């Protein structure tokens, strides 16, 4: 096993004592920091001697990555990796890996919970209860109409691991399912009928988002696409904040062009108090908590540990994004390089 040093830039766990203990058994050096929002110079000073870097939310842009002379493996703690410049990693010869199967069931459950909360108006019902209790008489006028989910159409924008899990879990609820995903792997037979984004938005009573942030998906949901949705429809986003133009969504809600929305992710996190959705009606907001469960937390810790141990043994991480780096390293070894 190679003598290596691993560094964590930031983490959401209470502590990383378990990781420190397990890596110590393997003779691997380890350090953990909380460098989120710290200047680049401080981040670089802490990771300069690392062979392996594990990052949660610290931004690794091209400028920082170009200064990583020793790092050979960068691991993202999570599914999305819009805070890491993958092309810069490739240029620097750094293998970049992530955890695409982390919290799949949990985010799917959260998305479904938000769909139910919208359909049954669970959150908004509290105001009706408080107002009726104050008057001593039931008054549901501000809460109605409530429509049953059975027979309604759910549109999934993105049919990857999480979108597919949502479809699988909701299949027994009598809903019609549609999906839009132009990036499905060739040869994969979709379990949900695929349609254009325009058709999905026009026909769906509930739209759930399950895509990464890319140039193509940034503000995919905007004033124009929101205008295609039914005024009785709901939008649910548990994917990434920048997929939705928050200002356009707030305007659509205020103008009654949409029945409601449930949002777990934001373009800036945590969102500032001036965020447009804070003042919008008929919106449920949760604090980017879809990933959270005790089970998911331990699964990702074990997966990342396995990636580090595999690297120390001369292998590599389980889910590598820029596999061309691995190919280049293999070709170099074949030519007798180090």
C-alpha atoms as a PDB file:
ATOM      1  CA  UNK A   1       0.000   0.000   0.000  1.00  0.00           C
ATOM      2  CA  UNK A   2       1.332   3.435  -0.985  1.00  0.00           C
ATOM      3  CA  UNK A   3       2.176   5.985   1.673  1.00  0.00           C
ATOM      4  CA  UNK A   4      -0.280   8.762   0.945  1.00  0.00           C
ATOM      5  CA  UNK A   5      -1.884  11.717   2.656  1.00  0.00           C
ATOM      6  CA  UNK A   6      -5.618  12.490   2.377  1.00  0.00           C
ATOM      7  CA  UNK A   7      -7.213  15.844   3.212  1.00  0.00           C
ATOM      8  CA  UNK A   8     -10.886  16.756   3.635  1.00  0.00           C
ATOM      9  CA  UNK A   9     -11.615  20.406   2.821  1.00  0.00           C
ATOM     10  CA  UNK A  10     -15.063  20.605   4.451  1.00  0.00           C
ATOM     11  CA  UNK A  11     -17.637  18.222   5.839  1.00  0.00           C
ATOM     12  CA  UNK A  12     -21.204  18.038   7.147  1.00  0.00           C
ATOM     13  CA  UNK A  13     -20.686  15.280   9.713  1.00  0.00           C
ATOM     14  CA  UNK A  14     -20.237  16.096  13.407  1.00  0.00           C
ATOM     15  CA  UNK A  15     -16.688  14.794  13.151  1.00  0.00           C
ATOM     16  CA  UNK A  16     -14.525  12.501  11.038  1.00  0.00           C
ATOM     17  CA  UNK A  17     -13.034  10.456  13.867  1.00  0.00           C
ATOM     18  CA  UNK A  18     -14.144   7.208  12.230  1.00  0.00           C
ATOM     19  CA  UNK A  19     -12.339   8.073   8.990  1.00  0.00           C
ATOM     20  CA  UNK A  20      -9.214   9.108  10.884  1.00  0.00           C
ATOM     21  CA  UNK A  21      -9.159   5.804  12.749  1.00  0.00           C
ATOM     22  CA  UNK A  22      -9.736   3.616   9.700  1.00  0.00           C
ATOM     23  CA  UNK A  23      -7.107   5.402   7.607  1.00  0.00           C
ATOM     24  CA  UNK A  24      -4.611   5.281  10.447  1.00  0.00           C
ATOM     25  CA  UNK A  25      -4.944   1.482  10.463  1.00  0.00           C
ATOM     26  CA  UNK A  26      -3.868   1.530   6.814  1.00  0.00           C
ATOM     27  CA  UNK A  27      -0.978   3.892   7.468  1.00  0.00           C
ATOM     28  CA  UNK A  28      -2.603   6.732   5.557  1.00  0.00           C
ATOM     29  CA  UNK A  29      -2.098  10.288   6.738  1.00  0.00           C
ATOM     30  CA  UNK A  30      -5.296  12.242   7.244  1.00  0.00           C
ATOM     31  CA  UNK A  31      -6.432  15.768   8.042  1.00  0.00           C
ATOM     32  CA  UNK A  32      -9.890  17.341   8.051  1.00  0.00           C
ATOM     33  CA  UNK A  33     -10.711  21.042   7.858  1.00  0.00           C
ATOM     34  CA  UNK A  34     -13.716  23.330   7.522  1.00  0.00           C
ATOM     35  CA  UNK A  35     -12.618  25.569   4.638  1.00  0.00           C
ATOM     36  CA  UNK A  36     -15.987  26.471   3.119  1.00  0.00           C
ATOM     37  CA  UNK A  37     -16.030  30.207   2.297  1.00  0.00           C
ATOM     38  CA  UNK A  38     -12.301  30.473   3.100  1.00  0.00           C
ATOM     39  CA  UNK A  39     -10.002  32.304   0.637  1.00  0.00           C
ATOM     40  CA  UNK A  40      -8.166  30.297  -2.007  1.00  0.00           C
ATOM     41  CA  UNK A  41      -4.812  30.853  -0.333  1.00  0.00           C
ATOM     42  CA  UNK A  42      -5.970  29.230   2.879  1.00  0.00           C
ATOM     43  CA  UNK A  43      -7.515  26.300   1.027  1.00  0.00           C
ATOM     44  CA  UNK A  44      -4.332  25.760  -0.973  1.00  0.00           C
ATOM     45  CA  UNK A  45      -2.169  25.888   2.132  1.00  0.00           C
ATOM     46  CA  UNK A  46      -4.205  23.079   3.711  1.00  0.00           C
ATOM     47  CA  UNK A  47      -4.347  20.787   0.666  1.00  0.00           C
ATOM     48  CA  UNK A  48      -0.938  21.409  -0.935  1.00  0.00           C
ATOM     49  CA  UNK A  49       0.556  18.219   0.536  1.00  0.00           C
ATOM     50  CA  UNK A  50      -2.402  15.961  -0.207  1.00  0.00           C
ATOM     51  CA  UNK A  51      -2.355  13.019  -2.598  1.00  0.00           C
ATOM     52  CA  UNK A  52      -6.122  12.686  -2.182  1.00  0.00           C
ATOM     53  CA  UNK A  53      -8.534  15.557  -1.568  1.00  0.00           C
ATOM     54  CA  UNK A  54     -12.153  15.079  -0.497  1.00  0.00           C
ATOM     55  CA  UNK A  55     -14.385  18.106  -1.076  1.00  0.00           C
ATOM     56  CA  UNK A  56     -17.961  18.855  -0.136  1.00  0.00           C
ATOM     57  CA  UNK A  57     -18.815  22.469  -1.039  1.00  0.00           C
ATOM     58  CA  UNK A  58     -15.450  24.258  -1.348  1.00  0.00           C
ATOM     59  CA  UNK A  59     -15.081  25.613  -4.877  1.00  0.00           C
ATOM     60  CA  UNK A  60     -12.278  24.025  -6.887  1.00  0.00           C
ATOM     61  CA  UNK A  61     -11.949  26.225  -9.947  1.00  0.00           C
ATOM     62  CA  UNK A  62      -9.292  26.087 -12.649  1.00  0.00           C
ATOM     63  CA  UNK A  63      -7.022  28.556 -10.859  1.00  0.00           C
ATOM     64  CA  UNK A  64      -6.909  26.489  -7.665  1.00  0.00           C
ATOM     65  CA  UNK A  65      -6.650  23.131  -9.423  1.00  0.00           C
ATOM     66  CA  UNK A  66      -3.684  24.344 -11.503  1.00  0.00           C
ATOM     67  CA  UNK A  67      -1.742  24.815  -8.246  1.00  0.00           C
ATOM     68  CA  UNK A  68      -2.301  21.239  -7.020  1.00  0.00           C
ATOM     69  CA  UNK A  69       1.107  19.782  -7.843  1.00  0.00           C
ATOM     70  CA  UNK A  70       0.774  16.640  -5.717  1.00  0.00           C
ATOM     71  CA  UNK A  71      -2.908  15.679  -5.810  1.00  0.00           C
ATOM     72  CA  UNK A  72      -3.778  12.673  -7.972  1.00  0.00           C
ATOM     73  CA  UNK A  73      -7.337  12.013  -6.814  1.00  0.00           C
ATOM     74  CA  UNK A  74     -10.078  14.537  -6.033  1.00  0.00           C
ATOM     75  CA  UNK A  75     -13.297  13.095  -4.588  1.00  0.00           C
ATOM     76  CA  UNK A  76     -16.580  14.983  -4.360  1.00  0.00           C
ATOM     77  CA  UNK A  77     -18.642  14.138  -1.294  1.00  0.00           C
ATOM     78  CA  UNK A  78     -21.994  13.924  -3.088  1.00  0.00           C
ATOM     79  CA  UNK A  79     -23.737  13.560  -6.428  1.00  0.00           C
ATOM     80  CA  UNK A  80     -23.570  16.998  -8.045  1.00  0.00           C
ATOM     81  CA  UNK A  81     -20.160  18.461  -8.788  1.00  0.00           C
ATOM     82  CA  UNK A  82     -20.792  21.922 -10.184  1.00  0.00           C
ATOM     83  CA  UNK A  83     -18.290  23.302  -7.661  1.00  0.00           C
ATOM     84  CA  UNK A  84     -15.427  21.405  -9.336  1.00  0.00           C
ATOM     85  CA  UNK A  85     -13.885  22.242 -12.724  1.00  0.00           C
ATOM     86  CA  UNK A  86     -13.578  18.743 -14.145  1.00  0.00           C
ATOM     87  CA  UNK A  87     -11.788  19.901 -17.304  1.00  0.00           C
ATOM     88  CA  UNK A  88      -9.147  21.556 -15.132  1.00  0.00           C
ATOM     89  CA  UNK A  89      -8.704  18.308 -13.202  1.00  0.00           C
ATOM     90  CA  UNK A  90      -8.183  16.456 -16.458  1.00  0.00           C
ATOM     91  CA  UNK A  91      -5.635  19.015 -17.666  1.00  0.00           C
ATOM     92  CA  UNK A  92      -3.767  18.702 -14.368  1.00  0.00           C
ATOM     93  CA  UNK A  93      -3.808  14.891 -14.538  1.00  0.00           C
ATOM     94  CA  UNK A  94      -6.043  14.582 -11.480  1.00  0.00           C
ATOM     95  CA  UNK A  95      -8.620  11.801 -11.376  1.00  0.00           C
ATOM     96  CA  UNK A  96     -11.994  13.231 -10.341  1.00  0.00           C
ATOM     97  CA  UNK A  97     -14.552  10.940  -8.725  1.00  0.00           C
ATOM     98  CA  UNK A  98     -17.981  11.369  -7.162  1.00  0.00           C
ATOM     99  CA  UNK A  99     -20.697   9.357  -5.420  1.00  0.00           C
ATOM    100  CA  UNK A 100     -23.613   9.104  -7.893  1.00  0.00           C
ATOM    101  CA  UNK A 101     -25.536   6.526  -5.875  1.00  0.00           C
ATOM    102  CA  UNK A 102     -25.381   8.511  -2.647  1.00  0.00           C
ATOM    103  CA  UNK A 103     -28.783   9.408  -1.098  1.00  0.00           C
ATOM    104  CA  UNK A 104     -30.742   8.314  -4.174  1.00  0.00           C
ATOM    105  CA  UNK A 105     -33.565   6.814  -2.119  1.00  0.00           C
ATOM    106  CA  UNK A 106     -33.543   9.775   0.264  1.00  0.00           C
ATOM    107  CA  UNK A 107     -33.831  12.508  -2.374  1.00  0.00           C
ATOM    108  CA  UNK A 108     -36.503  10.467  -4.154  1.00  0.00           C
ATOM    109  CA  UNK A 109     -38.446  10.187  -0.893  1.00  0.00           C
ATOM    110  CA  UNK A 110     -38.101  13.919  -0.265  1.00  0.00           C
ATOM    111  CA  UNK A 111     -39.325  14.750  -3.764  1.00  0.00           C
ATOM    112  CA  UNK A 112     -42.326  12.488  -3.270  1.00  0.00           C
ATOM    113  CA  UNK A 113     -42.997  13.999   0.159  1.00  0.00           C
ATOM    114  CA  UNK A 114     -43.078  17.440  -1.444  1.00  0.00           C
ATOM    115  CA  UNK A 115     -45.418  16.241  -4.190  1.00  0.00           C
ATOM    116  CA  UNK A 116     -47.787  14.900  -1.504  1.00  0.00           C
ATOM    117  CA  UNK A 117     -47.439  18.073   0.552  1.00  0.00           C
ATOM    118  CA  UNK A 118     -48.473  20.132  -2.464  1.00  0.00           C
ATOM    119  CA  UNK A 119     -51.311  17.830  -3.481  1.00  0.00           C
ATOM    120  CA  UNK A 120     -52.817  17.623   0.008  1.00  0.00           C
ATOM    121  CA  UNK A 121     -51.793  21.206   0.904  1.00  0.00           C
ATOM    122  CA  UNK A 122     -50.291  19.860   4.113  1.00  0.00           C
ATOM    123  CA  UNK A 123     -48.195  22.894   5.022  1.00  0.00           C
ATOM    124  CA  UNK A 124     -50.793  25.473   4.041  1.00  0.00           C
ATOM    125  CA  UNK A 125     -53.480  23.626   6.031  1.00  0.00           C
ATOM    126  CA  UNK A 126     -52.006  24.895   9.283  1.00  0.00           C
ATOM    127  CA  UNK A 127     -53.128  28.467   8.553  1.00  0.00           C
ATOM    128  CA  UNK A 128     -56.654  27.209   7.897  1.00  0.00           C
ATOM    129  CA  UNK A 129     -56.596  25.377  11.223  1.00  0.00           C
ATOM    130  CA  UNK A 130     -55.298  28.399  13.146  1.00  0.00           C
ATOM    131  CA  UNK A 131     -57.765  30.800  11.521  1.00  0.00           C
ATOM    132  CA  UNK A 132     -60.718  28.427  12.029  1.00  0.00           C
ATOM    133  CA  UNK A 133     -59.761  27.814  15.657  1.00  0.00           C
ATOM    134  CA  UNK A 134     -59.570  31.562  16.287  1.00  0.00           C
ATOM    135  CA  UNK A 135     -63.110  31.997  14.838  1.00  0.00           C
ATOM    136  CA  UNK A 136     -64.519  28.827  16.388  1.00  0.00           C
ATOM    137  CA  UNK A 137     -65.806  27.736  12.984  1.00  0.00           C
ATOM    138  CA  UNK A 138     -64.280  25.827  10.073  1.00  0.00           C
ATOM    139  CA  UNK A 139     -63.461  27.887   6.987  1.00  0.00           C
ATOM    140  CA  UNK A 140     -61.715  26.065   4.140  1.00  0.00           C
ATOM    141  CA  UNK A 141     -62.212  28.812   1.564  1.00  0.00           C
ATOM    142  CA  UNK A 142     -58.515  29.706   1.347  1.00  0.00           C
ATOM    143  CA  UNK A 143     -57.451  26.060   1.113  1.00  0.00           C
ATOM    144  CA  UNK A 144     -59.721  24.709  -1.596  1.00  0.00           C
ATOM    145  CA  UNK A 145     -59.566  23.328  -4.216  1.00  0.00           C
ATOM    146  CA  UNK A 146     -57.776  20.117  -3.265  1.00  0.00           C
ATOM    147  CA  UNK A 147     -57.431  17.572  -6.080  1.00  0.00           C
ATOM    148  CA  UNK A 148     -56.721  13.859  -5.695  1.00  0.00           C
ATOM    149  CA  UNK A 149     -53.440  12.526  -7.077  1.00  0.00           C
ATOM    150  CA  UNK A 150     -54.957   9.385  -8.576  1.00  0.00           C
ATOM    151  CA  UNK A 151     -55.278   9.828 -12.320  1.00  0.00           C
ATOM    152  CA  UNK A 152     -53.035  12.917 -12.443  1.00  0.00           C
ATOM    153  CA  UNK A 153     -49.836  13.207 -14.506  1.00  0.00           C
ATOM    154  CA  UNK A 154     -46.363  13.457 -12.997  1.00  0.00           C
ATOM    155  CA  UNK A 155     -43.566  14.703 -15.248  1.00  0.00           C
ATOM    156  CA  UNK A 156     -39.976  13.752 -14.427  1.00  0.00           C
ATOM    157  CA  UNK A 157     -37.318  16.048 -15.884  1.00  0.00           C
ATOM    158  CA  UNK A 158     -34.352  13.707 -15.695  1.00  0.00           C
ATOM    159  CA  UNK A 159     -34.589   9.923 -15.548  1.00  0.00           C
ATOM    160  CA  UNK A 160     -31.305   9.032 -13.912  1.00  0.00           C
ATOM    161  CA  UNK A 161     -30.949   7.252 -10.588  1.00  0.00           C
ATOM    162  CA  UNK A 162     -33.162   9.626  -8.584  1.00  0.00           C
ATOM    163  CA  UNK A 163     -35.774  10.263 -11.268  1.00  0.00           C
ATOM    164  CA  UNK A 164     -36.091   6.511 -11.825  1.00  0.00           C
ATOM    165  CA  UNK A 165     -36.460   5.927  -8.077  1.00  0.00           C
ATOM    166  CA  UNK A 166     -39.270   8.502  -7.924  1.00  0.00           C
ATOM    167  CA  UNK A 167     -41.014   6.765 -10.830  1.00  0.00           C
ATOM    168  CA  UNK A 168     -40.620   3.348  -9.224  1.00  0.00           C
ATOM    169  CA  UNK A 169     -42.001   4.508  -5.883  1.00  0.00           C
ATOM    170  CA  UNK A 170     -44.945   6.439  -7.357  1.00  0.00           C
ATOM    171  CA  UNK A 171     -45.984   3.838  -9.911  1.00  0.00           C
ATOM    172  CA  UNK A 172     -48.523   2.297  -7.522  1.00  0.00           C
ATOM    173  CA  UNK A 173     -50.313   5.577  -6.789  1.00  0.00           C
ATOM    174  CA  UNK A 174     -52.409   5.583  -9.948  1.00  0.00           C
ATOM    175  CA  UNK A 175     -50.527   8.435 -11.573  1.00  0.00           C
ATOM    176  CA  UNK A 176     -49.609   8.713 -15.232  1.00  0.00           C
ATOM    177  CA  UNK A 177     -45.838   9.133 -15.568  1.00  0.00           C
ATOM    178  CA  UNK A 178     -43.954  11.031 -18.268  1.00  0.00           C
ATOM    179  CA  UNK A 179     -40.250  11.807 -18.526  1.00  0.00           C
ATOM    180  CA  UNK A 180     -37.889  14.040 -20.438  1.00  0.00           C
ATOM    181  CA  UNK A 181     -34.213  13.127 -20.594  1.00  0.00           C
ATOM    182  CA  UNK A 182     -32.148  13.693 -23.755  1.00  0.00           C
ATOM    183  CA  UNK A 183     -29.060  12.233 -22.065  1.00  0.00           C
ATOM    184  CA  UNK A 184     -30.183   8.661 -21.436  1.00  0.00           C
ATOM    185  CA  UNK A 185     -27.415   6.157 -22.285  1.00  0.00           C
ATOM    186  CA  UNK A 186     -27.751   4.482 -25.650  1.00  0.00           C
ATOM    187  CA  UNK A 187     -29.453   1.120 -25.366  1.00  0.00           C
ATOM    188  CA  UNK A 188     -31.234   1.855 -22.104  1.00  0.00           C
ATOM    189  CA  UNK A 189     -34.928   1.082 -22.302  1.00  0.00           C
ATOM    190  CA  UNK A 190     -36.736   3.787 -20.304  1.00  0.00           C
ATOM    191  CA  UNK A 191     -39.298   2.608 -17.773  1.00  0.00           C
ATOM    192  CA  UNK A 192     -41.356   5.771 -18.352  1.00  0.00           C
ATOM    193  CA  UNK A 193     -42.593   7.171 -21.694  1.00  0.00           C
ATOM    194  CA  UNK A 194     -40.180   9.816 -22.986  1.00  0.00           C
ATOM    195  CA  UNK A 195     -41.588  13.052 -24.370  1.00  0.00           C
ATOM    196  CA  UNK A 196     -40.308  16.506 -25.239  1.00  0.00           C
ATOM    197  CA  UNK A 197     -39.865  19.027 -22.440  1.00  0.00           C
ATOM    198  CA  UNK A 198     -42.641  21.126 -23.961  1.00  0.00           C
ATOM    199  CA  UNK A 199     -45.108  18.224 -23.939  1.00  0.00           C
ATOM    200  CA  UNK A 200     -44.143  17.243 -20.398  1.00  0.00           C
ATOM    201  CA  UNK A 201     -44.681  20.751 -19.056  1.00  0.00           C
ATOM    202  CA  UNK A 202     -48.004  21.168 -20.855  1.00  0.00           C
ATOM    203  CA  UNK A 203     -49.472  17.830 -19.738  1.00  0.00           C
ATOM    204  CA  UNK A 204     -48.134  17.382 -16.201  1.00  0.00           C
ATOM    205  CA  UNK A 205     -49.997  18.208 -13.012  1.00  0.00           C
ATOM    206  CA  UNK A 206     -46.738  17.834 -11.067  1.00  0.00           C
ATOM    207  CA  UNK A 207     -43.247  18.424 -12.462  1.00  0.00           C
ATOM    208  CA  UNK A 208     -40.225  17.148 -10.538  1.00  0.00           C
ATOM    209  CA  UNK A 209     -36.650  18.067 -11.468  1.00  0.00           C
ATOM    210  CA  UNK A 210     -33.825  15.522 -11.342  1.00  0.00           C
ATOM    211  CA  UNK A 211     -31.002  16.867 -13.528  1.00  0.00           C
ATOM    212  CA  UNK A 212     -27.480  18.103 -12.810  1.00  0.00           C
ATOM    213  CA  UNK A 213     -26.503  21.725 -13.435  1.00  0.00           C
ATOM    214  CA  UNK A 214     -24.970  22.085 -16.889  1.00  0.00           C
ATOM    215  CA  UNK A 215     -24.940  24.950 -19.391  1.00  0.00           C
ATOM    216  CA  UNK A 216     -27.992  23.299 -20.951  1.00  0.00           C
ATOM    217  CA  UNK A 217     -29.971  22.932 -17.723  1.00  0.00           C
ATOM    218  CA  UNK A 218     -29.121  26.237 -16.037  1.00  0.00           C
ATOM    219  CA  UNK A 219     -32.436  28.139 -15.841  1.00  0.00           C
ATOM    220  CA  UNK A 220     -34.099  25.361 -17.803  1.00  0.00           C
ATOM    221  CA  UNK A 221     -37.201  26.366 -15.874  1.00  0.00           C
ATOM    222  CA  UNK A 222     -37.706  30.029 -16.709  1.00  0.00           C
ATOM    223  CA  UNK A 223     -40.495  32.445 -17.571  1.00  0.00           C
ATOM    224  CA  UNK A 224     -40.999  30.849 -20.984  1.00  0.00           C
ATOM    225  CA  UNK A 225     -41.065  27.232 -19.821  1.00  0.00           C
ATOM    226  CA  UNK A 226     -43.160  28.063 -16.753  1.00  0.00           C
ATOM    227  CA  UNK A 227     -45.751  29.612 -19.064  1.00  0.00           C
ATOM    228  CA  UNK A 228     -46.248  26.178 -20.646  1.00  0.00           C
ATOM    229  CA  UNK A 229     -47.417  24.636 -17.364  1.00  0.00           C
ATOM    230  CA  UNK A 230     -51.022  24.359 -16.272  1.00  0.00           C
ATOM    231  CA  UNK A 231     -52.189  27.023 -13.807  1.00  0.00           C
ATOM    232  CA  UNK A 232     -53.241  24.095 -11.582  1.00  0.00           C
ATOM    233  CA  UNK A 233     -49.795  22.454 -11.714  1.00  0.00           C
ATOM    234  CA  UNK A 234     -47.012  22.245  -9.114  1.00  0.00           C
ATOM    235  CA  UNK A 235     -43.231  22.390  -9.560  1.00  0.00           C
ATOM    236  CA  UNK A 236     -40.895  20.418  -7.271  1.00  0.00           C
ATOM    237  CA  UNK A 237     -37.114  20.897  -7.280  1.00  0.00           C
ATOM    238  CA  UNK A 238     -34.834  18.675  -5.200  1.00  0.00           C
ATOM    239  CA  UNK A 239     -31.993  18.691  -7.750  1.00  0.00           C
ATOM    240  CA  UNK A 240     -29.979  21.925  -8.010  1.00  0.00           C
ATOM    241  CA  UNK A 241     -31.092  25.517  -7.451  1.00  0.00           C
ATOM    242  CA  UNK A 242     -29.751  27.073 -10.674  1.00  0.00           C
ATOM    243  CA  UNK A 243     -31.995  24.818 -12.777  1.00  0.00           C
ATOM    244  CA  UNK A 244     -34.855  27.168 -11.856  1.00  0.00           C
ATOM    245  CA  UNK A 245     -34.970  30.912 -12.448  1.00  0.00           C
ATOM    246  CA  UNK A 246     -36.182  31.783  -8.948  1.00  0.00           C
ATOM    247  CA  UNK A 247     -37.328  35.264  -9.946  1.00  0.00           C
ATOM    248  CA  UNK A 248     -39.444  33.886 -12.778  1.00  0.00           C
ATOM    249  CA  UNK A 249     -40.931  31.217 -10.491  1.00  0.00           C
ATOM    250  CA  UNK A 250     -41.796  33.792  -7.815  1.00  0.00           C
ATOM    251  CA  UNK A 251     -43.479  35.963 -10.440  1.00  0.00           C
ATOM    252  CA  UNK A 252     -45.494  33.016 -11.788  1.00  0.00           C
ATOM    253  CA  UNK A 253     -46.690  32.175  -8.267  1.00  0.00           C
ATOM    254  CA  UNK A 254     -47.630  35.771  -7.467  1.00  0.00           C
ATOM    255  CA  UNK A 255     -49.533  36.095 -10.745  1.00  0.00           C
ATOM    256  CA  UNK A 256     -51.429  32.840 -10.185  1.00  0.00           C
ATOM    257  CA  UNK A 257     -49.913  31.187 -13.256  1.00  0.00           C
ATOM    258  CA  UNK A 258     -48.935  28.179 -11.176  1.00  0.00           C
ATOM    259  CA  UNK A 259     -50.778  26.496  -8.302  1.00  0.00           C
ATOM    260  CA  UNK A 260     -47.671  26.132  -6.183  1.00  0.00           C
ATOM    261  CA  UNK A 261     -44.104  24.923  -5.845  1.00  0.00           C
ATOM    262  CA  UNK A 262     -41.893  23.033  -3.410  1.00  0.00           C
ATOM    263  CA  UNK A 263     -38.197  23.890  -3.459  1.00  0.00           C
ATOM    264  CA  UNK A 264     -35.359  22.213  -1.545  1.00  0.00           C
ATOM    265  CA  UNK A 265     -32.381  23.743  -3.394  1.00  0.00           C
ATOM    266  CA  UNK A 266     -31.300  27.301  -4.165  1.00  0.00           C
ATOM    267  CA  UNK A 267     -28.852  29.121  -6.426  1.00  0.00           C
ATOM    268  CA  UNK A 268     -27.156  30.574  -3.331  1.00  0.00           C
ATOM    269  CA  UNK A 269     -27.098  28.442  -0.200  1.00  0.00           C
ATOM    270  CA  UNK A 270     -28.303  29.191   2.304  1.00  0.00           C
ATOM    271  CA  UNK A 271     -30.499  31.639   0.392  1.00  0.00           C
ATOM    272  CA  UNK A 272     -30.328  35.288   1.498  1.00  0.00           C
ATOM    273  CA  UNK A 273     -33.360  36.744   3.261  1.00  0.00           C
ATOM    274  CA  UNK A 274     -33.966  38.790   0.097  1.00  0.00           C
ATOM    275  CA  UNK A 275     -34.457  35.621  -1.987  1.00  0.00           C
ATOM    276  CA  UNK A 276     -37.546  36.105  -4.197  1.00  0.00           C
ATOM    277  CA  UNK A 277     -39.180  32.845  -3.140  1.00  0.00           C
ATOM    278  CA  UNK A 278     -39.336  33.918   0.501  1.00  0.00           C
ATOM    279  CA  UNK A 279     -42.059  36.380  -0.427  1.00  0.00           C
ATOM    280  CA  UNK A 280     -43.906  34.191  -2.889  1.00  0.00           C
ATOM    281  CA  UNK A 281     -47.304  32.610  -2.151  1.00  0.00           C
ATOM    282  CA  UNK A 282     -48.072  28.884  -2.249  1.00  0.00           C
ATOM    283  CA  UNK A 283     -44.474  27.758  -2.003  1.00  0.00           C
ATOM    284  CA  UNK A 284     -42.977  25.181   0.345  1.00  0.00           C
ATOM    285  CA  UNK A 285     -39.290  25.760   1.092  1.00  0.00           C
ATOM    286  CA  UNK A 286     -36.996  23.225   2.766  1.00  0.00           C
ATOM    287  CA  UNK A 287     -33.284  23.717   3.607  1.00  0.00           C
ATOM    288  CA  UNK A 288     -31.566  21.462   1.033  1.00  0.00           C
ATOM    289  CA  UNK A 289     -32.304  18.481   3.231  1.00  0.00           C
ATOM    290  CA  UNK A 290     -33.368  15.899   0.649  1.00  0.00           C
ATOM    291  CA  UNK A 291     -30.040  14.081   0.959  1.00  0.00           C
ATOM    292  CA  UNK A 292     -30.340  13.543   4.684  1.00  0.00           C
ATOM    293  CA  UNK A 293     -30.762  10.207   6.404  1.00  0.00           C
ATOM    294  CA  UNK A 294     -28.643   8.297   8.881  1.00  0.00           C
ATOM    295  CA  UNK A 295     -28.323   5.485   6.350  1.00  0.00           C
ATOM    296  CA  UNK A 296     -27.149   7.723   3.514  1.00  0.00           C
ATOM    297  CA  UNK A 297     -24.654   9.455   5.778  1.00  0.00           C
ATOM    298  CA  UNK A 298     -22.845   6.231   6.598  1.00  0.00           C
ATOM    299  CA  UNK A 299     -23.089   4.862   3.075  1.00  0.00           C
ATOM    300  CA  UNK A 300     -21.193   7.803   1.598  1.00  0.00           C
ATOM    301  CA  UNK A 301     -18.570   7.794   4.351  1.00  0.00           C
ATOM    302  CA  UNK A 302     -17.840   4.137   3.666  1.00  0.00           C
ATOM    303  CA  UNK A 303     -17.793   4.680  -0.111  1.00  0.00           C
ATOM    304  CA  UNK A 304     -15.295   7.520   0.117  1.00  0.00           C
ATOM    305  CA  UNK A 305     -13.112   5.539   2.506  1.00  0.00           C
ATOM    306  CA  UNK A 306     -13.151   2.644   0.036  1.00  0.00           C
ATOM    307  CA  UNK A 307     -12.092   5.024  -2.748  1.00  0.00           C
ATOM    308  CA  UNK A 308      -9.121   6.270  -0.717  1.00  0.00           C
ATOM    309  CA  UNK A 309      -8.046   2.744   0.247  1.00  0.00           C
ATOM    310  CA  UNK A 310      -8.344   1.579  -3.368  1.00  0.00           C
ATOM    311  CA  UNK A 311      -6.114   4.441  -4.493  1.00  0.00           C
ATOM    312  CA  UNK A 312      -3.556   3.635  -1.787  1.00  0.00           C
ATOM    313  CA  UNK A 313      -3.447   0.043  -3.063  1.00  0.00           C
ATOM    314  CA  UNK A 314      -2.666   1.199  -6.598  1.00  0.00           C
ATOM    315  CA  UNK A 315      -6.229   1.186  -7.875  1.00  0.00           C
ATOM    316  CA  UNK A 316      -8.661   4.039  -8.251  1.00  0.00           C
ATOM    317  CA  UNK A 317     -12.021   5.332  -7.135  1.00  0.00           C
ATOM    318  CA  UNK A 318     -15.231   3.505  -7.993  1.00  0.00           C
ATOM    319  CA  UNK A 319     -16.992   6.261  -9.971  1.00  0.00           C
ATOM    320  CA  UNK A 320     -14.528   8.301 -12.014  1.00  0.00           C
ATOM    321  CA  UNK A 321     -15.861  11.147 -14.155  1.00  0.00           C
ATOM    322  CA  UNK A 322     -12.779  11.916 -16.273  1.00  0.00           C
ATOM    323  CA  UNK A 323     -11.722   8.396 -17.202  1.00  0.00           C
ATOM    324  CA  UNK A 324      -9.384   9.754 -19.866  1.00  0.00           C
ATOM    325  CA  UNK A 325      -6.927  10.558 -17.064  1.00  0.00           C
ATOM    326  CA  UNK A 326      -6.858   6.879 -16.115  1.00  0.00           C
ATOM    327  CA  UNK A 327      -6.262   5.935 -19.733  1.00  0.00           C
ATOM    328  CA  UNK A 328      -3.425   8.450 -20.015  1.00  0.00           C
ATOM    329  CA  UNK A 329      -1.770   7.120 -16.857  1.00  0.00           C
ATOM    330  CA  UNK A 330      -2.028   3.545 -18.125  1.00  0.00           C
ATOM    331  CA  UNK A 331      -0.491   4.497 -21.475  1.00  0.00           C
ATOM    332  CA  UNK A 332       2.343   6.256 -19.677  1.00  0.00           C
ATOM    333  CA  UNK A 333       3.049   3.128 -17.599  1.00  0.00           C
ATOM    334  CA  UNK A 334       3.099   1.022 -20.762  1.00  0.00           C
ATOM    335  CA  UNK A 335       5.729   3.335 -22.213  1.00  0.00           C
ATOM    336  CA  UNK A 336       7.830   2.910 -19.086  1.00  0.00           C
ATOM    337  CA  UNK A 337       6.937   6.233 -17.511  1.00  0.00           C
ATOM    338  CA  UNK A 338       6.368   6.738 -13.817  1.00  0.00           C
END
